[in-house]
Structures are given as C-alpha cells and as structure tokens.
Amino acid sequence: MARISGVNIPNDKRAEISLTYIYGIGLTTSQKILRELKINKDTRIKDLSDEDVNRLRQRIEKDLKVEGELRRDKIANIKRLKEIKCHRGTRHAKGLPVRGQRTKTNSRTVRGNKRITMGSGRAKAAQKT
C-alpha cells in the first residue's frame, strides 16, 4: 500500500478513486492532480512506479491542505464563529442546521434523530384480561 500524508491508499483501485481516500481531496481535485503529473487516471496504484508515487506524494503535501491541517483549520473556523457569537456560531453551538434549513421537519441528522410527536415514545396500552 502506498502511504500519502498519513493515509494508506488502496492498491487495487484506480488512481483517481484512491486519492479520494485522503481527507480534503475529492474526485475533481484528484483528476486535476493526475492530469498535471501526466499520470493516467485509470491505472491502479499497484501498477504505478515508485517515482510516480513519490511525485504524487510531493505534489499533495506541498500544494494542498489535507488531513490533520485541514481538520484543524476547519475546527478553528467553527471555534472563531462561536467566539464572536455570530448566527452561524450559535447554530453550531446548539447543534442545529447552520445554512438556513428548516427545523420544524427534517434536520433529524443534525438534531440526533429526535422524534417528538404525539405517538412516538408512547407506552403500548395494557392487554385486556
């Protein structure tokens, strides 16, 4: 397995898909990187030479913000929003949708799948004897 920026890249997948296992690299970015390095996107990682893997590693670590650095920046941005008490920051702090979605219905994933309706969570009626 090739190891790029602390992530084991799967050998049996195509190069453009394998690079998406790195946090911060999506399909479009991986295609752009491979195009710039003139590596065929359909080749498997196990078929790449060591020189190609090293070029990939150097390109990603030098030019892109990925993995731990990107996660730290993302958390720092959210923390900054909370500290200045802006609307987005308060929504993050309360665990509610941040980007204007409705909350009367939907938003179950953000709120933790709460089901607060008349029939939910009610005990079953006792059996007749």
C-alpha atoms as a PDB file:
ATOM      1  CA  MET A   1       0.000   0.000   0.000  1.00  0.00           C
ATOM      2  CA  ALA A   2       1.170   3.454  -0.856  1.00  0.00           C
ATOM      3  CA  ARG A   3       1.125   5.929   2.027  1.00  0.00           C
ATOM      4  CA  ILE A   4       0.449   9.576   1.265  1.00  0.00           C
ATOM      5  CA  SER A   5       0.101  12.217   4.016  1.00  0.00           C
ATOM      6  CA  GLY A   6      -0.519   9.582   6.680  1.00  0.00           C
ATOM      7  CA  VAL A   7      -3.214   7.647   4.795  1.00  0.00           C
ATOM      8  CA  ASN A   8      -2.885   4.168   3.331  1.00  0.00           C
ATOM      9  CA  ILE A   9      -4.034   4.380  -0.272  1.00  0.00           C
ATOM     10  CA  PRO A  10      -5.772   1.200  -1.558  1.00  0.00           C
ATOM     11  CA  ASN A  11      -3.688  -0.578  -4.203  1.00  0.00           C
ATOM     12  CA  ASP A  12      -6.459  -2.270  -6.162  1.00  0.00           C
ATOM     13  CA  LYS A  13      -8.455   0.839  -7.006  1.00  0.00           C
ATOM     14  CA  ARG A  14      -7.928   3.281  -9.861  1.00  0.00           C
ATOM     15  CA  ALA A  15      -5.618   6.199  -9.095  1.00  0.00           C
ATOM     16  CA  GLU A  16      -8.331   8.872  -9.278  1.00  0.00           C
ATOM     17  CA  ILE A  17     -10.517   6.972  -6.784  1.00  0.00           C
ATOM     18  CA  SER A  18      -7.658   6.009  -4.471  1.00  0.00           C
ATOM     19  CA  LEU A  19      -6.635   9.635  -3.948  1.00  0.00           C
ATOM     20  CA  THR A  20     -10.127  10.474  -2.668  1.00  0.00           C
ATOM     21  CA  TYR A  21      -9.375   8.392   0.451  1.00  0.00           C
ATOM     22  CA  ILE A  22      -7.308  11.372   1.627  1.00  0.00           C
ATOM     23  CA  TYR A  23      -9.399  13.887   3.601  1.00  0.00           C
ATOM     24  CA  GLY A  24      -9.570  17.084   1.585  1.00  0.00           C
ATOM     25  CA  ILE A  25      -9.166  15.518  -1.868  1.00  0.00           C
ATOM     26  CA  GLY A  26     -12.297  14.873  -3.877  1.00  0.00           C
ATOM     27  CA  LEU A  27     -12.744  13.411  -7.324  1.00  0.00           C
ATOM     28  CA  THR A  28     -12.228  16.701  -9.175  1.00  0.00           C
ATOM     29  CA  THR A  29      -9.044  17.526  -7.271  1.00  0.00           C
ATOM     30  CA  SER A  30      -7.619  14.042  -7.785  1.00  0.00           C
ATOM     31  CA  GLN A  31      -8.295  14.237 -11.535  1.00  0.00           C
ATOM     32  CA  LYS A  32      -6.597  17.646 -11.689  1.00  0.00           C
ATOM     33  CA  ILE A  33      -3.514  16.358  -9.826  1.00  0.00           C
ATOM     34  CA  LEU A  34      -3.185  13.320 -12.088  1.00  0.00           C
ATOM     35  CA  ARG A  35      -3.616  15.469 -15.204  1.00  0.00           C
ATOM     36  CA  GLU A  36      -0.853  17.859 -14.057  1.00  0.00           C
ATOM     37  CA  LEU A  37       1.531  14.986 -13.276  1.00  0.00           C
ATOM     38  CA  LYS A  38       0.643  13.251 -16.565  1.00  0.00           C
ATOM     39  CA  ILE A  39      -0.405  10.017 -14.823  1.00  0.00           C
ATOM     40  CA  ASN A  40      -3.222   8.007 -16.393  1.00  0.00           C
ATOM     41  CA  LYS A  41      -6.251   8.174 -14.104  1.00  0.00           C
ATOM     42  CA  ASP A  42      -7.285   4.592 -14.962  1.00  0.00           C
ATOM     43  CA  THR A  43      -4.068   2.930 -13.793  1.00  0.00           C
ATOM     44  CA  ARG A  44      -4.126   1.094 -10.483  1.00  0.00           C
ATOM     45  CA  ILE A  45      -1.938   2.322  -7.638  1.00  0.00           C
ATOM     46  CA  LYS A  46      -0.104  -1.019  -7.551  1.00  0.00           C
ATOM     47  CA  ASP A  47       0.879  -0.509 -11.207  1.00  0.00           C
ATOM     48  CA  LEU A  48       2.404   2.934 -10.612  1.00  0.00           C
ATOM     49  CA  SER A  49       6.166   3.175 -10.317  1.00  0.00           C
ATOM     50  CA  ASP A  50       7.788   4.352  -7.103  1.00  0.00           C
ATOM     51  CA  GLU A  51       8.798   7.538  -8.893  1.00  0.00           C
ATOM     52  CA  ASP A  52       5.141   8.307  -9.767  1.00  0.00           C
ATOM     53  CA  VAL A  53       4.005   7.651  -6.191  1.00  0.00           C
ATOM     54  CA  ASN A  54       6.749   9.959  -4.874  1.00  0.00           C
ATOM     55  CA  ARG A  55       5.720  12.697  -7.317  1.00  0.00           C
ATOM     56  CA  LEU A  56       2.112  12.314  -6.154  1.00  0.00           C
ATOM     57  CA  ARG A  57       3.175  12.474  -2.507  1.00  0.00           C
ATOM     58  CA  GLN A  58       5.319  15.578  -3.034  1.00  0.00           C
ATOM     59  CA  ARG A  59       2.604  17.370  -5.040  1.00  0.00           C
ATOM     60  CA  ILE A  60      -0.092  16.683  -2.440  1.00  0.00           C
ATOM     61  CA  GLU A  61       1.991  17.503   0.637  1.00  0.00           C
ATOM     62  CA  LYS A  62       3.483  20.641  -0.891  1.00  0.00           C
ATOM     63  CA  ASP A  63       0.474  22.287  -2.543  1.00  0.00           C
ATOM     64  CA  LEU A  64      -2.668  21.059  -0.782  1.00  0.00           C
ATOM     65  CA  LYS A  65      -4.037  21.418   2.710  1.00  0.00           C
ATOM     66  CA  VAL A  66      -5.157  17.893   3.634  1.00  0.00           C
ATOM     67  CA  GLU A  67      -5.826  15.600   6.593  1.00  0.00           C
ATOM     68  CA  GLY A  68      -4.825  16.983  10.014  1.00  0.00           C
ATOM     69  CA  GLU A  69      -4.014  20.501   8.879  1.00  0.00           C
ATOM     70  CA  LEU A  70      -7.358  20.871   7.101  1.00  0.00           C
ATOM     71  CA  ARG A  71      -9.287  19.411  10.046  1.00  0.00           C
ATOM     72  CA  ARG A  72      -7.529  21.801  12.450  1.00  0.00           C
ATOM     73  CA  ASP A  73      -8.376  24.784  10.253  1.00  0.00           C
ATOM     74  CA  LYS A  74     -11.992  23.700   9.966  1.00  0.00           C
ATOM     75  CA  ILE A  75     -12.343  23.334  13.751  1.00  0.00           C
ATOM     76  CA  ALA A  76     -10.587  26.677  14.296  1.00  0.00           C
ATOM     77  CA  ASN A  77     -13.017  28.407  11.923  1.00  0.00           C
ATOM     78  CA  ILE A  78     -16.023  26.974  13.771  1.00  0.00           C
ATOM     79  CA  LYS A  79     -14.477  27.957  17.104  1.00  0.00           C
ATOM     80  CA  ARG A  80     -13.957  31.507  15.834  1.00  0.00           C
ATOM     81  CA  LEU A  81     -17.616  31.720  14.761  1.00  0.00           C
ATOM     82  CA  LYS A  82     -18.692  30.567  18.230  1.00  0.00           C
ATOM     83  CA  GLU A  83     -16.424  33.081  19.972  1.00  0.00           C
ATOM     84  CA  ILE A  84     -17.723  36.087  18.035  1.00  0.00           C
ATOM     85  CA  LYS A  85     -21.281  34.823  18.670  1.00  0.00           C
ATOM     86  CA  CYS A  86     -22.459  35.232  15.116  1.00  0.00           C
ATOM     87  CA  HIS A  87     -25.583  33.444  13.897  1.00  0.00           C
ATOM     88  CA  ARG A  88     -23.668  30.548  12.344  1.00  0.00           C
ATOM     89  CA  GLY A  89     -21.615  30.147  15.511  1.00  0.00           C
ATOM     90  CA  THR A  90     -24.663  29.934  17.745  1.00  0.00           C
ATOM     91  CA  ARG A  91     -26.248  27.373  15.422  1.00  0.00           C
ATOM     92  CA  HIS A  92     -23.062  25.283  15.606  1.00  0.00           C
ATOM     93  CA  ALA A  93     -23.060  25.546  19.399  1.00  0.00           C
ATOM     94  CA  LYS A  94     -26.702  24.452  19.680  1.00  0.00           C
ATOM     95  CA  GLY A  95     -26.266  21.599  17.228  1.00  0.00           C
ATOM     96  CA  LEU A  96     -28.800  22.927  14.736  1.00  0.00           C
ATOM     97  CA  PRO A  97     -28.624  23.304  10.936  1.00  0.00           C
ATOM     98  CA  VAL A  98     -26.319  26.185  10.050  1.00  0.00           C
ATOM     99  CA  ARG A  99     -27.171  27.043   6.469  1.00  0.00           C
ATOM    100  CA  GLY A 100     -30.804  28.126   6.657  1.00  0.00           C
ATOM    101  CA  GLN A 101     -32.554  24.762   6.502  1.00  0.00           C
ATOM    102  CA  ARG A 102     -35.930  24.408   8.146  1.00  0.00           C
ATOM    103  CA  THR A 103     -36.122  22.686  11.514  1.00  0.00           C
ATOM    104  CA  LYS A 104     -39.827  22.053  12.034  1.00  0.00           C
ATOM    105  CA  THR A 105     -39.468  18.978   9.884  1.00  0.00           C
ATOM    106  CA  ASN A 106     -36.294  17.383   8.572  1.00  0.00           C
ATOM    107  CA  SER A 107     -32.892  18.119  10.181  1.00  0.00           C
ATOM    108  CA  ARG A 108     -33.105  14.825  12.068  1.00  0.00           C
ATOM    109  CA  THR A 109     -29.465  14.038  11.406  1.00  0.00           C
ATOM    110  CA  VAL A 110     -28.282  17.285  12.960  1.00  0.00           C
ATOM    111  CA  ARG A 111     -30.646  17.117  15.932  1.00  0.00           C
ATOM    112  CA  GLY A 112     -29.899  13.477  16.687  1.00  0.00           C
ATOM    113  CA  ASN A 113     -32.971  11.750  15.197  1.00  0.00           C
ATOM    114  CA  LYS A 114     -35.393  13.066  17.816  1.00  0.00           C
ATOM    115  CA  ARG A 115     -38.960  12.023  17.193  1.00  0.00           C
ATOM    116  CA  ILE A 116     -41.168  14.345  19.163  1.00  0.00           C
ATOM    117  CA  THR A 117     -44.730  13.711  18.019  1.00  0.00           C
ATOM    118  CA  MET A 118     -47.912  12.602  19.695  1.00  0.00           C
ATOM    119  CA  GLY A 119     -47.488   8.868  19.158  1.00  0.00           C
ATOM    120  CA  SER A 120     -43.743   8.494  19.425  1.00  0.00           C
ATOM    121  CA  GLY A 121     -42.318   7.094  22.604  1.00  0.00           C
ATOM    122  CA  ARG A 122     -45.702   6.221  23.998  1.00  0.00           C
ATOM    123  CA  ALA A 123     -46.109   3.034  26.012  1.00  0.00           C
ATOM    124  CA  LYS A 124     -48.392   0.418  24.479  1.00  0.00           C
ATOM    125  CA  ALA A 125     -51.826   0.094  26.010  1.00  0.00           C
ATOM    126  CA  ALA A 126     -52.226  -2.703  28.562  1.00  0.00           C
ATOM    127  CA  GLN A 127     -53.587  -6.023  27.268  1.00  0.00           C
ATOM    128  CA  LYS A 128     -57.175  -6.987  28.090  1.00  0.00           C
ATOM    129  CA  THR A 129     -57.504  -9.856  30.543  1.00  0.00           C
END
